[in-house]
Amino acid sequence: MHLPPNSAERNPSQRGREAGFTLLEILVVIAILGLLIGLVAPAALRQLGGAKVSVAKQTIERLGSVLDLYKLDVGSYPTTEQGLGALVERPTGVSIWNGPYLKGDKIQSDPWNHPFIYRAPSNRRQRDYDLCSGGAAGAAGEPGSEGMICNN
């Protein structure tokens, strides 16, 4: 019994044409991938930026609770000069100190790897201290200014 030849055996000149993708097909796939990346990447980056803001707010709130514990022990919040370092190392001139109030030997940075901004007493009304993150731009200035994330 004799089997009919397949299409590549019938016409040897078409063998190379059926073996791969054409340049046009590859360009169409690349264009579609580019469009998908162009649509998905900005949304993913927005989500990431929003998550960092949320982490900064939570960290400021947690540090605020730690500052409240410090005030209960010492009687006042750390001064601007003492800074947040007073939470991990006893400041000079403080007799009652039950620290360190934070684990580790340094204060963590904000999600953008900038140091938190601390000032006591606060310049804002009805606040004992200012505890802020400069945000993505690392803004420095008055608490509550554009781009800064501060304690409430």
Protein backbone atom coordinates (compact mmCIF):
# COMPACT_ATOMS: atom_id res chain seq x y z
CA MET A 1 0.00 0.00 0.00
CA HIS A 2 1.35 3.32 -1.00
CA LEU A 3 0.59 6.45 1.08
CA PRO A 4 0.14 9.79 -0.66
CA PRO A 5 3.02 12.20 -0.11
CA ASN A 6 2.49 15.03 2.37
CA SER A 7 2.34 18.60 1.13
CA ALA A 8 6.01 19.33 1.86
CA GLU A 9 7.08 16.34 -0.24
CA ARG A 10 4.77 17.33 -3.08
CA ASN A 11 6.19 20.79 -3.49
CA PRO A 12 9.69 21.27 -2.02
CA SER A 13 9.62 25.03 -2.65
CA GLN A 14 6.84 25.55 -0.04
CA ARG A 15 8.67 23.72 2.75
CA GLY A 16 10.49 26.93 3.91
CA ARG A 17 7.34 29.04 3.82
CA GLU A 18 5.39 26.83 6.22
CA ALA A 19 8.21 26.39 8.75
CA GLY A 20 7.86 29.67 10.75
CA PHE A 21 6.15 33.00 11.29
CA THR A 22 6.22 35.85 8.84
CA LEU A 23 7.70 39.19 9.78
CA LEU A 24 4.23 40.71 9.65
CA GLU A 25 2.87 38.17 12.16
CA ILE A 26 5.75 38.87 14.55
CA LEU A 27 5.22 42.64 14.26
CA VAL A 28 1.49 42.26 14.99
CA VAL A 29 2.23 40.20 18.13
CA ILE A 30 4.81 42.77 19.29
CA ALA A 31 2.32 45.60 18.71
CA ILE A 32 -0.38 43.80 20.72
CA LEU A 33 2.06 43.13 23.57
CA GLY A 34 3.11 46.79 23.52
CA LEU A 35 -0.51 47.93 23.79
CA LEU A 36 -1.18 45.55 26.68
CA ILE A 37 1.90 46.72 28.55
CA GLY A 38 0.97 50.34 27.88
CA LEU A 39 -2.46 49.80 29.39
CA VAL A 40 -1.55 47.56 32.33
CA ALA A 41 1.74 49.11 33.53
CA PRO A 42 0.32 52.53 34.55
CA ALA A 43 -2.47 50.88 36.55
CA ALA A 44 0.04 48.65 38.32
CA LEU A 45 2.29 51.63 39.13
CA ARG A 46 -0.69 53.58 40.51
CA GLN A 47 -1.50 50.65 42.79
CA LEU A 48 2.10 50.53 43.98
CA GLY A 49 2.14 54.27 44.70
CA GLY A 50 -1.14 54.01 46.62
CA ALA A 51 0.22 51.15 48.68
CA LYS A 52 3.28 53.17 49.67
CA VAL A 53 1.09 56.06 50.84
CA SER A 54 -0.94 53.61 52.91
CA VAL A 55 2.21 52.11 54.46
CA ALA A 56 3.51 55.61 55.28
CA LYS A 57 0.24 56.51 57.04
CA GLN A 58 0.26 53.27 59.03
CA THR A 59 3.89 53.75 60.03
CA ILE A 60 3.22 57.32 61.16
CA GLU A 61 0.27 56.09 63.21
CA ARG A 62 2.39 53.34 64.80
CA LEU A 63 5.23 55.76 65.60
CA GLY A 64 2.62 58.10 67.08
CA SER A 65 1.53 55.34 69.47
CA VAL A 66 5.15 54.76 70.44
CA LEU A 67 5.62 58.49 71.03
CA ASP A 68 2.58 58.41 73.32
CA LEU A 69 4.22 55.61 75.35
CA TYR A 70 7.39 57.69 75.57
CA LYS A 71 5.36 60.64 76.86
CA LEU A 72 3.70 58.47 79.52
CA ASP A 73 7.13 57.43 80.83
CA VAL A 74 9.10 60.66 80.46
CA GLY A 75 6.33 63.23 80.85
CA SER A 76 6.79 64.95 77.49
CA TYR A 77 7.40 64.15 73.88
CA PRO A 78 10.99 64.18 72.60
CA THR A 79 12.14 67.62 71.50
CA THR A 80 12.99 68.34 67.89
CA GLU A 81 16.68 68.15 68.79
CA GLN A 82 16.26 64.74 70.44
CA GLY A 83 14.19 63.57 67.50
CA LEU A 84 12.88 60.07 67.00
CA GLY A 85 16.25 58.75 68.11
CA ALA A 86 14.99 59.24 71.68
CA LEU A 87 12.80 56.18 71.09
CA VAL A 88 15.79 53.86 70.67
CA GLU A 89 18.49 55.56 72.78
CA ARG A 90 18.14 57.40 76.09
CA PRO A 91 18.46 61.14 75.49
CA THR A 92 20.67 63.17 77.80
CA GLY A 93 18.88 64.82 80.70
CA VAL A 94 16.07 62.26 80.84
CA SER A 95 15.94 60.40 84.14
CA ILE A 96 12.94 58.10 83.65
CA TRP A 97 13.24 56.23 80.37
CA ASN A 98 11.93 52.68 79.89
CA GLY A 99 13.20 52.22 76.35
CA PRO A 100 14.13 51.32 73.84
CA TYR A 101 10.60 51.78 72.59
CA LEU A 102 11.38 50.38 69.15
CA LYS A 103 13.25 47.27 68.06
CA GLY A 104 16.59 47.79 66.40
CA ASP A 105 19.10 50.55 66.78
CA LYS A 106 17.68 53.06 64.31
CA ILE A 107 14.39 54.53 63.17
CA GLN A 108 13.05 53.04 59.98
CA SER A 109 12.70 55.19 56.88
CA ASP A 110 9.48 55.91 55.04
CA PRO A 111 8.47 53.70 52.08
CA TRP A 112 10.48 55.94 49.71
CA ASN A 113 13.59 55.46 51.87
CA HIS A 114 13.56 59.03 53.23
CA PRO A 115 13.82 59.74 56.97
CA PHE A 116 10.64 60.75 58.77
CA ILE A 117 10.38 64.43 59.69
CA TYR A 118 9.76 65.04 63.40
CA ARG A 119 9.22 68.35 65.19
CA ALA A 120 8.04 69.02 68.73
CA PRO A 121 6.32 71.18 69.62
CA SER A 122 4.16 71.39 66.51
CA ASN A 123 3.46 74.54 64.55
CA ARG A 124 0.02 73.18 63.66
CA ARG A 125 -2.93 73.89 65.91
CA GLN A 126 -4.07 71.21 68.35
CA ARG A 127 -1.01 69.02 67.70
CA ASP A 128 1.69 68.18 70.22
CA TYR A 129 4.21 67.20 67.53
CA ASP A 130 4.59 66.85 63.78
CA LEU A 131 5.53 63.49 62.33
CA CYS A 132 5.64 63.46 58.55
CA SER A 133 6.87 61.64 55.49
CA GLY A 134 8.04 63.68 52.54
CA GLY A 135 6.18 61.35 50.18
CA ALA A 136 7.46 60.16 46.84
CA ALA A 137 9.17 63.47 46.11
CA GLY A 138 10.84 63.60 49.51
CA ALA A 139 9.23 66.98 50.09
CA ALA A 140 10.73 69.00 52.89
CA GLY A 141 8.93 71.94 54.35
CA GLU A 142 6.06 72.75 56.61
CA PRO A 143 3.97 69.78 57.74
CA GLY A 144 0.75 69.65 55.78
CA SER A 145 2.33 71.15 52.66
CA GLU A 146 1.87 69.60 49.24
CA GLY A 147 3.06 65.99 48.97
CA MET A 148 3.70 65.49 52.69
CA ILE A 149 1.96 62.78 54.68
CA CYS A 150 1.61 63.80 58.33
CA ASN A 151 0.07 62.69 61.61
CA ASN A 152 -3.51 63.73 62.20
